[in-house]
C-alpha cells in the first residue's frame, strides 16, 4: 500500500465535510427564500423551488452516505495492511496518522515522542519498500 492510498480516509473526510457545507448552504437558502407578500400578481410558473431544493438535498445526502461507505471500505483495507506490519510502534503511528487522521504533532504527543521521530519512522517504512 502506498502513502497516497493511506491518505484516502483523510481526503474522503474532507470531501464529506465539503458536501455537508453544501447541504448546510441549501438549508440556509431554503430558510431565507420565503414567500414575499406584496400584493403584486405573479405568473403561473410551474417551477417548484421547494421540491427542487428537496431533490438536491436528497442527492447530496446520498453522496455523503456513499462517501461514508467508501471510508469504511478504505478503513478496512488500511487496517488489514497495518495489522500485517511487524513493528508495534510503526503500527501505532500508521493507525493514528491514517485511520484517526491525526497530524504529526498529535501522533507524537500520543506516543510520547517527537514529531520528527514519528515522521522518520513512517517515512523509513516506505523507503524500505515494505
N, C-alpha and C. Protein backbone atom coordinates (compact mmCIF):
# COMPACT_ATOMS: atom_id res chain seq x y z
N UNK A 1 0.85 -1.18 0.00
CA UNK A 1 0.00 0.00 0.00
C UNK A 1 0.90 1.24 0.00
N UNK A 2 0.52 2.25 -0.76
CA UNK A 2 1.33 3.46 -0.88
C UNK A 2 0.87 4.51 0.14
N UNK A 3 1.70 5.53 0.31
CA UNK A 3 1.33 6.66 1.18
C UNK A 3 0.04 7.30 0.70
N UNK A 4 -0.10 7.42 -0.61
CA UNK A 4 -1.28 8.05 -1.19
C UNK A 4 -2.55 7.25 -0.87
N UNK A 5 -2.46 5.93 -0.94
CA UNK A 5 -3.61 5.10 -0.60
C UNK A 5 -3.97 5.24 0.88
N UNK A 6 -2.94 5.35 1.72
CA UNK A 6 -3.17 5.50 3.15
C UNK A 6 -3.83 6.85 3.49
N UNK A 7 -3.62 7.85 2.66
CA UNK A 7 -4.17 9.18 2.92
C UNK A 7 -5.63 9.31 2.48
N UNK A 8 -6.19 8.31 1.84
CA UNK A 8 -7.52 8.44 1.27
C UNK A 8 -8.61 8.72 2.31
N UNK A 9 -8.52 8.14 3.50
CA UNK A 9 -9.53 8.41 4.52
C UNK A 9 -9.56 9.90 4.84
N UNK A 10 -8.38 10.50 4.96
CA UNK A 10 -8.29 11.94 5.25
C UNK A 10 -8.99 12.75 4.16
N UNK A 11 -8.69 12.43 2.91
CA UNK A 11 -9.27 13.20 1.81
C UNK A 11 -10.76 12.94 1.63
N UNK A 12 -11.20 11.72 1.88
CA UNK A 12 -12.63 11.43 1.79
C UNK A 12 -13.37 12.18 2.91
N UNK A 13 -12.77 12.24 4.10
CA UNK A 13 -13.36 13.02 5.20
C UNK A 13 -13.52 14.48 4.81
N UNK A 14 -12.49 15.05 4.17
CA UNK A 14 -12.56 16.44 3.73
C UNK A 14 -13.67 16.62 2.70
N UNK A 15 -13.81 15.63 1.82
CA UNK A 15 -14.85 15.68 0.80
C UNK A 15 -16.25 15.64 1.44
N UNK A 16 -16.41 14.80 2.46
CA UNK A 16 -17.69 14.72 3.16
C UNK A 16 -18.01 16.07 3.81
N UNK A 17 -17.01 16.68 4.43
CA UNK A 17 -17.23 18.00 5.05
C UNK A 17 -17.64 19.03 4.00
N UNK A 18 -17.05 18.94 2.81
CA UNK A 18 -17.41 19.85 1.73
C UNK A 18 -18.89 19.67 1.36
N UNK A 19 -19.33 18.41 1.23
CA UNK A 19 -20.73 18.14 0.88
C UNK A 19 -21.66 18.55 2.01
N UNK A 20 -21.23 18.39 3.25
CA UNK A 20 -22.06 18.80 4.38
C UNK A 20 -22.23 20.32 4.40
N UNK A 21 -21.16 21.05 4.05
CA UNK A 21 -21.27 22.51 3.96
C UNK A 21 -22.26 22.89 2.85
N UNK A 22 -22.23 22.18 1.75
CA UNK A 22 -23.17 22.44 0.66
C UNK A 22 -24.61 22.16 1.12
N UNK A 23 -24.79 21.10 1.88
CA UNK A 23 -26.10 20.78 2.42
C UNK A 23 -26.57 21.89 3.37
N UNK A 24 -25.67 22.38 4.21
CA UNK A 24 -25.99 23.50 5.11
C UNK A 24 -26.36 24.75 4.32
N UNK A 25 -25.63 25.00 3.25
CA UNK A 25 -25.90 26.16 2.40
C UNK A 25 -27.31 26.07 1.81
N UNK A 26 -27.67 24.87 1.35
CA UNK A 26 -29.01 24.67 0.81
C UNK A 26 -30.08 24.88 1.88
N UNK A 27 -29.78 24.41 3.08
CA UNK A 27 -30.72 24.58 4.19
C UNK A 27 -30.94 26.06 4.48
N UNK A 28 -29.86 26.82 4.52
CA UNK A 28 -29.96 28.27 4.75
C UNK A 28 -30.72 28.95 3.61
N UNK A 29 -30.44 28.51 2.40
CA UNK A 29 -31.11 29.08 1.23
C UNK A 29 -32.62 28.82 1.29
N UNK A 30 -33.01 27.63 1.73
CA UNK A 30 -34.43 27.32 1.80
C UNK A 30 -35.10 28.11 2.92
N UNK A 31 -34.38 28.37 4.01
CA UNK A 31 -34.95 29.15 5.10
C UNK A 31 -35.08 30.62 4.72
N UNK A 32 -34.13 31.13 3.95
CA UNK A 32 -34.13 32.54 3.57
C UNK A 32 -35.09 32.83 2.42
N UNK A 33 -35.43 31.83 1.66
CA UNK A 33 -36.23 32.05 0.45
C UNK A 33 -37.71 31.91 0.67
N UNK A 34 -38.27 32.58 1.66
CA UNK A 34 -39.70 32.51 1.93
C UNK A 34 -40.51 33.29 0.91
N UNK A 35 -41.80 33.15 0.97
CA UNK A 35 -42.71 33.84 0.06
C UNK A 35 -42.84 35.29 0.48
N UNK A 36 -42.78 36.17 -0.51
CA UNK A 36 -42.99 37.59 -0.19
C UNK A 36 -44.42 37.97 -0.55
N UNK A 37 -45.03 38.73 0.32
CA UNK A 37 -46.40 39.17 0.09
C UNK A 37 -46.36 40.67 -0.17
N UNK A 38 -46.57 41.03 -1.42
CA UNK A 38 -46.51 42.45 -1.76
C UNK A 38 -47.73 42.90 -2.56
N UNK A 39 -48.71 42.03 -2.75
CA UNK A 39 -49.93 42.39 -3.44
C UNK A 39 -49.82 42.40 -4.96
N UNK A 40 -48.64 42.14 -5.48
CA UNK A 40 -48.45 42.15 -6.93
C UNK A 40 -48.83 40.79 -7.50
N UNK A 41 -49.49 40.77 -8.65
CA UNK A 41 -49.83 39.48 -9.27
C UNK A 41 -48.58 38.76 -9.76
N UNK A 42 -48.61 37.50 -9.69
CA UNK A 42 -47.49 36.65 -10.12
C UNK A 42 -47.95 35.77 -11.27
N UNK A 43 -46.97 35.34 -12.07
CA UNK A 43 -47.27 34.43 -13.17
C UNK A 43 -47.55 33.04 -12.65
N UNK A 44 -48.06 32.20 -13.50
CA UNK A 44 -48.36 30.82 -13.14
C UNK A 44 -47.20 29.90 -13.48
N UNK A 45 -45.99 30.26 -13.07
CA UNK A 45 -44.84 29.41 -13.35
C UNK A 45 -45.00 28.04 -12.72
N UNK A 46 -44.54 27.03 -13.42
CA UNK A 46 -44.68 25.67 -12.90
C UNK A 46 -43.46 25.25 -12.09
N UNK A 47 -42.52 26.14 -11.92
CA UNK A 47 -41.32 25.82 -11.16
C UNK A 47 -41.66 25.63 -9.69
N UNK A 48 -41.20 24.55 -9.13
CA UNK A 48 -41.42 24.27 -7.71
C UNK A 48 -40.06 24.28 -7.02
N UNK A 49 -39.67 25.45 -6.54
CA UNK A 49 -38.34 25.62 -5.94
C UNK A 49 -38.15 24.77 -4.70
N UNK A 50 -39.21 24.60 -3.92
CA UNK A 50 -39.11 23.78 -2.71
C UNK A 50 -38.81 22.33 -3.07
N UNK A 51 -39.52 21.82 -4.06
CA UNK A 51 -39.29 20.44 -4.50
C UNK A 51 -37.89 20.29 -5.09
N UNK A 52 -37.47 21.28 -5.89
CA UNK A 52 -36.12 21.23 -6.48
C UNK A 52 -35.05 21.18 -5.40
N UNK A 53 -35.22 22.01 -4.36
CA UNK A 53 -34.24 22.02 -3.26
C UNK A 53 -34.28 20.71 -2.49
N UNK A 54 -35.46 20.15 -2.30
CA UNK A 54 -35.58 18.87 -1.59
C UNK A 54 -34.87 17.77 -2.37
N UNK A 55 -35.03 17.78 -3.68
CA UNK A 55 -34.36 16.79 -4.53
C UNK A 55 -32.84 16.97 -4.44
N UNK A 56 -32.40 18.21 -4.53
CA UNK A 56 -30.96 18.48 -4.45
C UNK A 56 -30.40 18.06 -3.10
N UNK A 57 -31.13 18.34 -2.02
CA UNK A 57 -30.67 17.92 -0.69
C UNK A 57 -30.59 16.41 -0.59
N UNK A 58 -31.57 15.72 -1.14
CA UNK A 58 -31.58 14.25 -1.13
C UNK A 58 -30.38 13.70 -1.90
N UNK A 59 -30.09 14.30 -3.04
CA UNK A 59 -28.95 13.86 -3.84
C UNK A 59 -27.65 14.05 -3.07
N UNK A 60 -27.50 15.17 -2.39
CA UNK A 60 -26.28 15.43 -1.62
C UNK A 60 -26.19 14.46 -0.44
N UNK A 61 -27.30 14.19 0.21
CA UNK A 61 -27.31 13.22 1.31
C UNK A 61 -26.88 11.84 0.82
N UNK A 62 -27.32 11.47 -0.39
CA UNK A 62 -26.91 10.18 -0.97
C UNK A 62 -25.41 10.16 -1.26
N UNK A 63 -24.87 11.28 -1.73
CA UNK A 63 -23.43 11.38 -1.97
C UNK A 63 -22.68 11.20 -0.66
N UNK A 64 -23.12 11.89 0.38
CA UNK A 64 -22.48 11.79 1.69
C UNK A 64 -22.52 10.35 2.19
N UNK A 65 -23.65 9.70 2.08
CA UNK A 65 -23.77 8.30 2.52
C UNK A 65 -22.84 7.39 1.72
N UNK A 66 -22.71 7.66 0.43
CA UNK A 66 -21.78 6.88 -0.40
C UNK A 66 -20.34 7.07 0.04
N UNK A 67 -19.99 8.32 0.38
CA UNK A 67 -18.63 8.61 0.85
C UNK A 67 -18.36 7.96 2.20
N UNK A 68 -19.37 7.94 3.07
CA UNK A 68 -19.21 7.26 4.37
C UNK A 68 -18.96 5.76 4.17
N UNK A 69 -19.65 5.17 3.21
CA UNK A 69 -19.43 3.75 2.90
C UNK A 69 -18.04 3.55 2.32
N UNK A 70 -17.61 4.49 1.48
CA UNK A 70 -16.27 4.42 0.88
C UNK A 70 -15.19 4.48 1.97
N UNK A 71 -15.41 5.32 2.98
CA UNK A 71 -14.46 5.40 4.09
C UNK A 71 -14.36 4.06 4.81
N UNK A 72 -15.48 3.41 5.01
CA UNK A 72 -15.46 2.12 5.71
C UNK A 72 -14.68 1.08 4.93
N UNK A 73 -14.85 1.05 3.62
CA UNK A 73 -14.10 0.11 2.78
C UNK A 73 -12.61 0.41 2.86
N UNK A 74 -12.26 1.69 2.73
CA UNK A 74 -10.85 2.09 2.78
C UNK A 74 -10.26 1.82 4.17
N UNK A 75 -11.03 2.07 5.20
CA UNK A 75 -10.58 1.83 6.57
C UNK A 75 -10.24 0.35 6.77
N UNK A 76 -11.08 -0.52 6.24
CA UNK A 76 -10.84 -1.96 6.37
C UNK A 76 -9.55 -2.36 5.64
N UNK A 77 -9.35 -1.82 4.44
CA UNK A 77 -8.12 -2.11 3.69
C UNK A 77 -6.88 -1.66 4.48
N UNK A 78 -6.97 -0.44 5.03
CA UNK A 78 -5.83 0.10 5.77
C UNK A 78 -5.58 -0.70 7.04
N UNK A 79 -6.64 -1.07 7.74
CA UNK A 79 -6.47 -1.86 8.96
C UNK A 79 -5.82 -3.21 8.65
N UNK A 80 -6.23 -3.84 7.56
CA UNK A 80 -5.60 -5.11 7.17
C UNK A 80 -4.11 -4.91 6.90
N UNK A 81 -3.78 -3.83 6.22
CA UNK A 81 -2.39 -3.52 5.92
C UNK A 81 -1.60 -3.28 7.21
N UNK A 82 -2.15 -2.46 8.09
CA UNK A 82 -1.47 -2.13 9.35
C UNK A 82 -1.27 -3.38 10.20
N UNK A 83 -2.27 -4.23 10.27
CA UNK A 83 -2.17 -5.44 11.10
C UNK A 83 -1.10 -6.40 10.62
N UNK A 84 -0.66 -6.26 9.39
CA UNK A 84 0.39 -7.14 8.87
C UNK A 84 1.79 -6.56 9.04
N UNK A 85 1.91 -5.41 9.69
CA UNK A 85 3.21 -4.80 9.96
C UNK A 85 3.75 -5.41 11.26
N UNK A 86 5.02 -5.80 11.24
CA UNK A 86 5.62 -6.47 12.40
C UNK A 86 5.88 -5.53 13.57
N UNK A 87 6.28 -4.31 13.30
CA UNK A 87 6.70 -3.38 14.35
C UNK A 87 5.51 -2.69 15.02
N UNK A 88 5.38 -2.85 16.33
CA UNK A 88 4.26 -2.30 17.09
C UNK A 88 4.21 -0.77 17.02
N UNK A 89 5.34 -0.11 17.18
CA UNK A 89 5.38 1.35 17.14
C UNK A 89 4.93 1.86 15.77
N UNK A 90 5.40 1.24 14.72
CA UNK A 90 5.00 1.64 13.37
C UNK A 90 3.50 1.41 13.16
N UNK A 91 2.98 0.30 13.68
CA UNK A 91 1.52 0.06 13.57
C UNK A 91 0.74 1.18 14.25
N UNK A 92 1.21 1.59 15.42
CA UNK A 92 0.52 2.67 16.14
C UNK A 92 0.60 3.99 15.36
N UNK A 93 1.77 4.29 14.84
CA UNK A 93 1.94 5.52 14.04
C UNK A 93 1.02 5.48 12.83
N UNK A 94 1.00 4.35 12.13
CA UNK A 94 0.15 4.20 10.94
C UNK A 94 -1.32 4.38 11.29
N UNK A 95 -1.73 3.77 12.39
CA UNK A 95 -3.14 3.87 12.80
C UNK A 95 -3.51 5.31 13.15
N UNK A 96 -2.71 5.93 14.00
CA UNK A 96 -3.02 7.29 14.45
C UNK A 96 -3.02 8.28 13.28
N UNK A 97 -2.05 8.12 12.39
CA UNK A 97 -1.91 9.05 11.27
C UNK A 97 -2.98 8.83 10.20
N UNK A 98 -3.20 7.55 9.81
CA UNK A 98 -4.03 7.26 8.64
C UNK A 98 -5.46 6.86 8.94
N UNK A 99 -5.73 6.32 10.11
CA UNK A 99 -7.10 5.94 10.45
C UNK A 99 -7.73 7.01 11.34
N UNK A 100 -6.99 7.47 12.33
CA UNK A 100 -7.51 8.52 13.22
C UNK A 100 -7.33 9.92 12.64
N UNK A 101 -6.60 10.01 11.53
CA UNK A 101 -6.38 11.29 10.81
C UNK A 101 -5.76 12.36 11.70
N UNK A 102 -4.83 11.95 12.55
CA UNK A 102 -4.13 12.91 13.41
C UNK A 102 -2.99 13.55 12.63
N UNK A 103 -2.65 14.79 13.01
CA UNK A 103 -1.47 15.41 12.41
C UNK A 103 -0.24 14.86 13.13
N UNK A 104 0.95 15.18 12.59
CA UNK A 104 2.17 14.60 13.14
C UNK A 104 2.40 14.98 14.60
N UNK A 105 2.07 16.20 14.94
CA UNK A 105 2.24 16.65 16.32
C UNK A 105 1.35 15.85 17.26
N UNK A 106 0.12 15.60 16.87
CA UNK A 106 -0.81 14.81 17.69
C UNK A 106 -0.32 13.36 17.84
N UNK A 107 0.18 12.80 16.74
CA UNK A 107 0.71 11.43 16.79
C UNK A 107 1.87 11.36 17.77
N UNK A 108 2.78 12.32 17.67
CA UNK A 108 3.96 12.35 18.55
C UNK A 108 3.54 12.46 20.02
N UNK A 109 2.62 13.35 20.31
CA UNK A 109 2.15 13.50 21.70
C UNK A 109 1.51 12.23 22.22
N UNK A 110 0.70 11.60 21.38
CA UNK A 110 0.02 10.36 21.77
C UNK A 110 1.02 9.27 22.13
N UNK A 111 2.14 9.26 21.44
CA UNK A 111 3.15 8.20 21.64
C UNK A 111 4.32 8.66 22.50
N UNK A 112 4.20 9.83 23.10
CA UNK A 112 5.28 10.39 23.93
C UNK A 112 6.60 10.40 23.18
N UNK A 113 6.56 10.95 22.00
CA UNK A 113 7.73 11.01 21.13
C UNK A 113 7.82 12.41 20.55
N UNK A 114 8.70 12.55 19.56
CA UNK A 114 8.81 13.84 18.87
C UNK A 114 8.21 13.70 17.48
N UNK A 115 7.84 14.84 16.95
CA UNK A 115 7.25 14.87 15.61
C UNK A 115 8.23 14.32 14.58
N UNK A 116 9.49 14.75 14.66
CA UNK A 116 10.50 14.29 13.71
C UNK A 116 10.71 12.79 13.80
N UNK A 117 10.69 12.26 15.02
CA UNK A 117 10.91 10.83 15.21
C UNK A 117 9.80 10.00 14.54
N UNK A 118 8.54 10.36 14.78
CA UNK A 118 7.45 9.56 14.20
C UNK A 118 7.40 9.71 12.68
N UNK A 119 7.70 10.91 12.19
CA UNK A 119 7.75 11.11 10.73
C UNK A 119 8.84 10.24 10.11
N UNK A 120 9.99 10.19 10.77
CA UNK A 120 11.12 9.43 10.24
C UNK A 120 10.80 7.93 10.22
N UNK A 121 10.18 7.42 11.27
CA UNK A 121 9.82 6.00 11.32
C UNK A 121 8.83 5.68 10.20
N UNK A 122 7.86 6.56 10.01
CA UNK A 122 6.85 6.39 8.97
C UNK A 122 7.49 6.39 7.58
N UNK A 123 8.32 7.39 7.32
CA UNK A 123 8.97 7.52 6.00
C UNK A 123 9.92 6.35 5.74
N UNK A 124 10.65 5.93 6.75
CA UNK A 124 11.60 4.82 6.59
C UNK A 124 10.87 3.56 6.14
N UNK A 125 9.68 3.35 6.63
CA UNK A 125 8.89 2.17 6.25
C UNK A 125 8.67 2.14 4.74
N UNK A 126 8.37 3.28 4.16
CA UNK A 126 8.10 3.33 2.72
C UNK A 126 9.38 3.31 1.89
N UNK A 127 10.47 3.80 2.44
CA UNK A 127 11.75 3.70 1.72
C UNK A 127 12.25 2.27 1.65
N UNK A 128 11.93 1.48 2.69
CA UNK A 128 12.34 0.07 2.69
C UNK A 128 11.55 -0.74 1.68
N UNK A 129 10.35 -0.26 1.35
CA UNK A 129 9.53 -0.98 0.37
C UNK A 129 8.68 -2.06 0.96
N UNK A 130 8.39 -1.98 2.29
CA UNK A 130 7.52 -2.97 2.93
C UNK A 130 6.11 -2.86 2.45
